[in-house]
Amino acid sequence: MEETFINKVAESGIISVDLETYLPKEPIVLFDLKEYLFMELILKEKDFREALKKVDWNIYSQKNVAVTCSADAIIPVWAYMLVAAYLQPYAAAIITGTENEMKEDLLLQNIAAINETAFTDQRVVIKGCGDQPISEAAYLAVTKKLRPVAKSIMYGEPCSTVPIYKKPK
């Protein structure tokens, strides 16, 4: 007598959402203002402007660029604006911050772009563990996005979940 195994998770109709699939796939490049400072500490306007004119901005074509200054220097706001003015025709996206901050920003944008109609009246599990770290902000964003339409939202794996939300009957 042969036993038939039934995959109850697959039959449950639960939709599993893995936030890792919403992480940006495009390259992220860091533009560090430190390289354009006198002694890596002082921004001299004339020198800064001349240095930016010499940059091959094509290397940032269709890349996500995080603009930062890794030196402990006071950078005037206009310097970030000037870099953005040069980058904008080339870069896919530009933020002020680190590569990790850009990664999170793009992840949140991707979550915001989710077509929530696919989750209407569905039981949804937001996958918890993965290979890449996912911020609390991403879990909060996906919950806010899906709560108005989902029948229920759970956290974890389909076989072991923590209930988060259940639509009232």
C-alpha atoms as a PDB file:
ATOM      1  CA  MET A   1       0.000   0.000   0.000  1.00  0.00           C
ATOM      2  CA  GLU A   2       1.484   3.284  -1.167  1.00  0.00           C
ATOM      3  CA  GLU A   3       0.895   6.507   0.759  1.00  0.00           C
ATOM      4  CA  THR A   4       0.123   9.696  -1.135  1.00  0.00           C
ATOM      5  CA  PHE A   5       1.639  12.822   0.273  1.00  0.00           C
ATOM      6  CA  ILE A   6      -0.497  15.927   0.015  1.00  0.00           C
ATOM      7  CA  ASN A   7       1.114  19.341  -0.005  1.00  0.00           C
ATOM      8  CA  LYS A   8      -1.353  21.152   2.223  1.00  0.00           C
ATOM      9  CA  VAL A   9       0.569  24.417   1.923  1.00  0.00           C
ATOM     10  CA  ALA A  10       0.252  24.388  -1.877  1.00  0.00           C
ATOM     11  CA  GLU A  11      -3.443  23.558  -1.624  1.00  0.00           C
ATOM     12  CA  SER A  12      -4.129  26.284   0.942  1.00  0.00           C
ATOM     13  CA  GLY A  13      -4.161  29.071  -1.648  1.00  0.00           C
ATOM     14  CA  ILE A  14      -1.709  31.114   0.392  1.00  0.00           C
ATOM     15  CA  ILE A  15       0.333  33.600  -1.629  1.00  0.00           C
ATOM     16  CA  SER A  16       3.918  33.837  -0.419  1.00  0.00           C
ATOM     17  CA  VAL A  17       5.707  37.170  -0.894  1.00  0.00           C
ATOM     18  CA  ASP A  18       9.496  37.130  -0.762  1.00  0.00           C
ATOM     19  CA  LEU A  19      10.725  40.703  -0.320  1.00  0.00           C
ATOM     20  CA  GLU A  20      14.150  39.706  -1.671  1.00  0.00           C
ATOM     21  CA  THR A  21      12.572  39.585  -5.135  1.00  0.00           C
ATOM     22  CA  TYR A  22      11.877  43.330  -4.798  1.00  0.00           C
ATOM     23  CA  LEU A  23      15.503  44.231  -4.091  1.00  0.00           C
ATOM     24  CA  PRO A  24      17.062  46.309  -6.880  1.00  0.00           C
ATOM     25  CA  LYS A  25      18.752  44.312  -9.613  1.00  0.00           C
ATOM     26  CA  GLU A  26      20.475  47.313 -11.211  1.00  0.00           C
ATOM     27  CA  PRO A  27      23.996  48.240 -10.117  1.00  0.00           C
ATOM     28  CA  ILE A  28      24.467  50.810  -7.354  1.00  0.00           C
ATOM     29  CA  VAL A  29      27.467  53.114  -7.581  1.00  0.00           C
ATOM     30  CA  LEU A  30      28.837  55.411  -4.893  1.00  0.00           C
ATOM     31  CA  PHE A  31      29.854  58.964  -5.806  1.00  0.00           C
ATOM     32  CA  ASP A  32      32.088  60.112  -2.951  1.00  0.00           C
ATOM     33  CA  LEU A  33      32.603  63.869  -2.668  1.00  0.00           C
ATOM     34  CA  LYS A  34      35.721  63.240  -0.577  1.00  0.00           C
ATOM     35  CA  GLU A  35      37.705  62.702  -3.773  1.00  0.00           C
ATOM     36  CA  TYR A  36      36.943  66.267  -4.853  1.00  0.00           C
ATOM     37  CA  LEU A  37      37.955  68.024  -1.623  1.00  0.00           C
ATOM     38  CA  PHE A  38      41.196  69.840  -0.914  1.00  0.00           C
ATOM     39  CA  MET A  39      43.137  67.592   1.488  1.00  0.00           C
ATOM     40  CA  GLU A  40      39.919  65.523   1.707  1.00  0.00           C
ATOM     41  CA  LEU A  41      38.547  68.155   4.093  1.00  0.00           C
ATOM     42  CA  ILE A  42      37.776  71.439   2.368  1.00  0.00           C
ATOM     43  CA  LEU A  43      35.564  72.150  -0.592  1.00  0.00           C
ATOM     44  CA  LYS A  44      37.030  74.909  -2.740  1.00  0.00           C
ATOM     45  CA  GLU A  45      34.273  76.011  -5.099  1.00  0.00           C
ATOM     46  CA  LYS A  46      36.411  76.844  -8.136  1.00  0.00           C
ATOM     47  CA  ASP A  47      38.446  73.615  -7.877  1.00  0.00           C
ATOM     48  CA  PHE A  48      35.315  71.558  -7.208  1.00  0.00           C
ATOM     49  CA  ARG A  49      33.530  72.926 -10.273  1.00  0.00           C
ATOM     50  CA  GLU A  50      36.584  72.325 -12.472  1.00  0.00           C
ATOM     51  CA  ALA A  51      36.979  68.757 -11.199  1.00  0.00           C
ATOM     52  CA  LEU A  52      33.316  67.950 -11.926  1.00  0.00           C
ATOM     53  CA  LYS A  53      33.704  69.246 -15.490  1.00  0.00           C
ATOM     54  CA  LYS A  54      36.436  66.641 -16.041  1.00  0.00           C
ATOM     55  CA  VAL A  55      34.407  63.656 -14.801  1.00  0.00           C
ATOM     56  CA  ASP A  56      33.333  61.123 -17.447  1.00  0.00           C
ATOM     57  CA  TRP A  57      29.660  61.083 -16.480  1.00  0.00           C
ATOM     58  CA  ASN A  58      28.973  58.298 -18.993  1.00  0.00           C
ATOM     59  CA  ILE A  59      30.264  55.790 -16.439  1.00  0.00           C
ATOM     60  CA  TYR A  60      27.094  56.482 -14.430  1.00  0.00           C
ATOM     61  CA  SER A  61      24.798  55.760 -17.369  1.00  0.00           C
ATOM     62  CA  GLN A  62      21.695  53.805 -16.231  1.00  0.00           C
ATOM     63  CA  LYS A  63      23.193  53.193 -12.805  1.00  0.00           C
ATOM     64  CA  ASN A  64      21.749  54.008  -9.417  1.00  0.00           C
ATOM     65  CA  VAL A  65      24.052  56.541  -7.792  1.00  0.00           C
ATOM     66  CA  ALA A  66      24.361  57.229  -4.078  1.00  0.00           C
ATOM     67  CA  VAL A  67      26.071  60.571  -3.460  1.00  0.00           C
ATOM     68  CA  THR A  68      27.894  60.805  -0.154  1.00  0.00           C
ATOM     69  CA  CYS A  69      30.951  62.228   1.538  1.00  0.00           C
ATOM     70  CA  SER A  70      32.968  59.694   3.503  1.00  0.00           C
ATOM     71  CA  ALA A  71      35.222  62.412   4.941  1.00  0.00           C
ATOM     72  CA  ASP A  72      34.318  64.273   8.091  1.00  0.00           C
ATOM     73  CA  ALA A  73      33.899  67.543   6.213  1.00  0.00           C
ATOM     74  CA  ILE A  74      31.269  70.233   6.016  1.00  0.00           C
ATOM     75  CA  ILE A  75      29.774  70.097   2.544  1.00  0.00           C
ATOM     76  CA  PRO A  76      27.551  72.956   1.396  1.00  0.00           C
ATOM     77  CA  VAL A  77      24.127  71.946   0.082  1.00  0.00           C
ATOM     78  CA  TRP A  78      24.822  73.438  -3.326  1.00  0.00           C
ATOM     79  CA  ALA A  79      27.628  70.892  -3.855  1.00  0.00           C
ATOM     80  CA  TYR A  80      25.101  68.031  -3.755  1.00  0.00           C
ATOM     81  CA  MET A  81      22.864  70.007  -6.089  1.00  0.00           C
ATOM     82  CA  LEU A  82      25.720  70.532  -8.539  1.00  0.00           C
ATOM     83  CA  VAL A  83      26.591  66.822  -8.566  1.00  0.00           C
ATOM     84  CA  ALA A  84      22.918  65.980  -9.132  1.00  0.00           C
ATOM     85  CA  ALA A  85      22.797  68.416 -12.055  1.00  0.00           C
ATOM     86  CA  TYR A  86      25.672  66.547 -13.699  1.00  0.00           C
ATOM     87  CA  LEU A  87      24.382  63.064 -12.865  1.00  0.00           C
ATOM     88  CA  GLN A  88      20.710  63.523 -13.767  1.00  0.00           C
ATOM     89  CA  PRO A  89      21.055  63.098 -17.563  1.00  0.00           C
ATOM     90  CA  TYR A  90      22.904  59.797 -17.057  1.00  0.00           C
ATOM     91  CA  ALA A  91      21.902  58.037 -13.842  1.00  0.00           C
ATOM     92  CA  ALA A  92      18.803  55.869 -13.472  1.00  0.00           C
ATOM     93  CA  ALA A  93      18.329  57.196  -9.910  1.00  0.00           C
ATOM     94  CA  ILE A  94      20.208  59.499  -7.531  1.00  0.00           C
ATOM     95  CA  ILE A  95      20.011  59.809  -3.752  1.00  0.00           C
ATOM     96  CA  THR A  96      22.082  61.390  -1.031  1.00  0.00           C
ATOM     97  CA  GLY A  97      23.375  58.619   1.168  1.00  0.00           C
ATOM     98  CA  THR A  98      25.166  55.293   1.194  1.00  0.00           C
ATOM     99  CA  GLU A  99      24.811  52.276  -1.074  1.00  0.00           C
ATOM    100  CA  ASN A 100      22.706  50.550   1.604  1.00  0.00           C
ATOM    101  CA  GLU A 101      20.419  53.569   1.876  1.00  0.00           C
ATOM    102  CA  MET A 102      19.955  53.551  -1.892  1.00  0.00           C
ATOM    103  CA  LYS A 103      19.246  49.823  -1.828  1.00  0.00           C
ATOM    104  CA  GLU A 104      16.534  50.394   0.786  1.00  0.00           C
ATOM    105  CA  ASP A 105      15.120  53.386  -1.091  1.00  0.00           C
ATOM    106  CA  LEU A 106      14.818  51.351  -4.298  1.00  0.00           C
ATOM    107  CA  LEU A 107      13.331  48.404  -2.393  1.00  0.00           C
ATOM    108  CA  LEU A 108      10.652  50.682  -0.939  1.00  0.00           C
ATOM    109  CA  GLN A 109       9.945  52.095  -4.414  1.00  0.00           C
ATOM    110  CA  ASN A 110       9.542  48.559  -5.773  1.00  0.00           C
ATOM    111  CA  ILE A 111       7.157  47.666  -2.949  1.00  0.00           C
ATOM    112  CA  ALA A 112       5.138  50.831  -3.612  1.00  0.00           C
ATOM    113  CA  ALA A 113       4.818  49.741  -7.255  1.00  0.00           C
ATOM    114  CA  ILE A 114       3.249  46.364  -6.358  1.00  0.00           C
ATOM    115  CA  ASN A 115      -0.068  45.821  -8.121  1.00  0.00           C
ATOM    116  CA  GLU A 116      -2.169  45.060  -5.084  1.00  0.00           C
ATOM    117  CA  THR A 117      -5.127  43.766  -7.111  1.00  0.00           C
ATOM    118  CA  ALA A 118      -3.376  40.392  -7.381  1.00  0.00           C
ATOM    119  CA  PHE A 119      -3.677  40.149  -3.586  1.00  0.00           C
ATOM    120  CA  THR A 120      -7.353  41.096  -3.307  1.00  0.00           C
ATOM    121  CA  ASP A 121      -9.123  38.789  -0.841  1.00  0.00           C
ATOM    122  CA  GLN A 122      -6.078  36.518  -0.685  1.00  0.00           C
ATOM    123  CA  ARG A 123      -4.244  34.973   2.237  1.00  0.00           C
ATOM    124  CA  VAL A 124      -0.713  36.380   2.106  1.00  0.00           C
ATOM    125  CA  VAL A 125       2.455  35.311   3.869  1.00  0.00           C
ATOM    126  CA  ILE A 126       5.349  37.749   3.911  1.00  0.00           C
ATOM    127  CA  LYS A 127       8.454  35.572   3.936  1.00  0.00           C
ATOM    128  CA  GLY A 128      10.616  36.166   6.971  1.00  0.00           C
ATOM    129  CA  CYS A 129      14.023  34.590   6.551  1.00  0.00           C
ATOM    130  CA  GLY A 130      16.227  34.950   3.529  1.00  0.00           C
ATOM    131  CA  ASP A 131      19.749  35.258   2.238  1.00  0.00           C
ATOM    132  CA  GLN A 132      19.787  39.063   2.210  1.00  0.00           C
ATOM    133  CA  PRO A 133      18.839  41.387   5.052  1.00  0.00           C
ATOM    134  CA  ILE A 134      15.512  43.180   4.620  1.00  0.00           C
ATOM    135  CA  SER A 135      14.801  46.267   6.717  1.00  0.00           C
ATOM    136  CA  GLU A 136      11.875  46.728   9.047  1.00  0.00           C
ATOM    137  CA  ALA A 137      10.797  49.620   6.811  1.00  0.00           C
ATOM    138  CA  ALA A 138      10.231  47.186   3.929  1.00  0.00           C
ATOM    139  CA  TYR A 139       8.048  44.900   6.059  1.00  0.00           C
ATOM    140  CA  LEU A 140       6.074  47.903   7.250  1.00  0.00           C
ATOM    141  CA  ALA A 141       5.669  49.174   3.663  1.00  0.00           C
ATOM    142  CA  VAL A 142       4.423  45.849   2.280  1.00  0.00           C
ATOM    143  CA  THR A 143       1.961  45.538   5.159  1.00  0.00           C
ATOM    144  CA  LYS A 144       0.608  49.030   4.495  1.00  0.00           C
ATOM    145  CA  LYS A 145       0.372  48.226   0.783  1.00  0.00           C
ATOM    146  CA  LEU A 146      -1.481  44.909   1.135  1.00  0.00           C
ATOM    147  CA  ARG A 147      -3.633  45.442   4.237  1.00  0.00           C
ATOM    148  CA  PRO A 148      -6.441  47.303   2.411  1.00  0.00           C
ATOM    149  CA  VAL A 149      -6.969  44.398  -0.029  1.00  0.00           C
ATOM    150  CA  ALA A 150      -5.714  41.154   1.542  1.00  0.00           C
ATOM    151  CA  LYS A 151      -7.977  38.723   3.348  1.00  0.00           C
ATOM    152  CA  SER A 152      -5.164  38.054   5.813  1.00  0.00           C
ATOM    153  CA  ILE A 153      -1.486  38.853   6.215  1.00  0.00           C
ATOM    154  CA  MET A 154       0.946  36.578   7.998  1.00  0.00           C
ATOM    155  CA  TYR A 155       4.680  36.652   8.602  1.00  0.00           C
ATOM    156  CA  GLY A 156       7.070  33.715   8.285  1.00  0.00           C
ATOM    157  CA  GLU A 157       6.763  30.634   6.103  1.00  0.00           C
ATOM    158  CA  PRO A 158       3.476  29.094   4.884  1.00  0.00           C
ATOM    159  CA  CYS A 159       4.029  26.107   7.200  1.00  0.00           C
ATOM    160  CA  SER A 160       4.705  28.274  10.257  1.00  0.00           C
ATOM    161  CA  THR A 161       3.296  31.787  10.384  1.00  0.00           C
ATOM    162  CA  VAL A 162       2.667  34.634  12.767  1.00  0.00           C
ATOM    163  CA  PRO A 163      -0.719  36.267  12.138  1.00  0.00           C
ATOM    164  CA  ILE A 164      -0.483  39.983  11.423  1.00  0.00           C
ATOM    165  CA  TYR A 165      -3.868  41.017  10.055  1.00  0.00           C
ATOM    166  CA  LYS A 166      -7.223  39.424   9.319  1.00  0.00           C
ATOM    167  CA  LYS A 167      -9.966  41.271   7.477  1.00  0.00           C
ATOM    168  CA  PRO A 168     -13.134  41.471   9.573  1.00  0.00           C
ATOM    169  CA  LYS A 169     -16.076  39.510   8.220  1.00  0.00           C
END
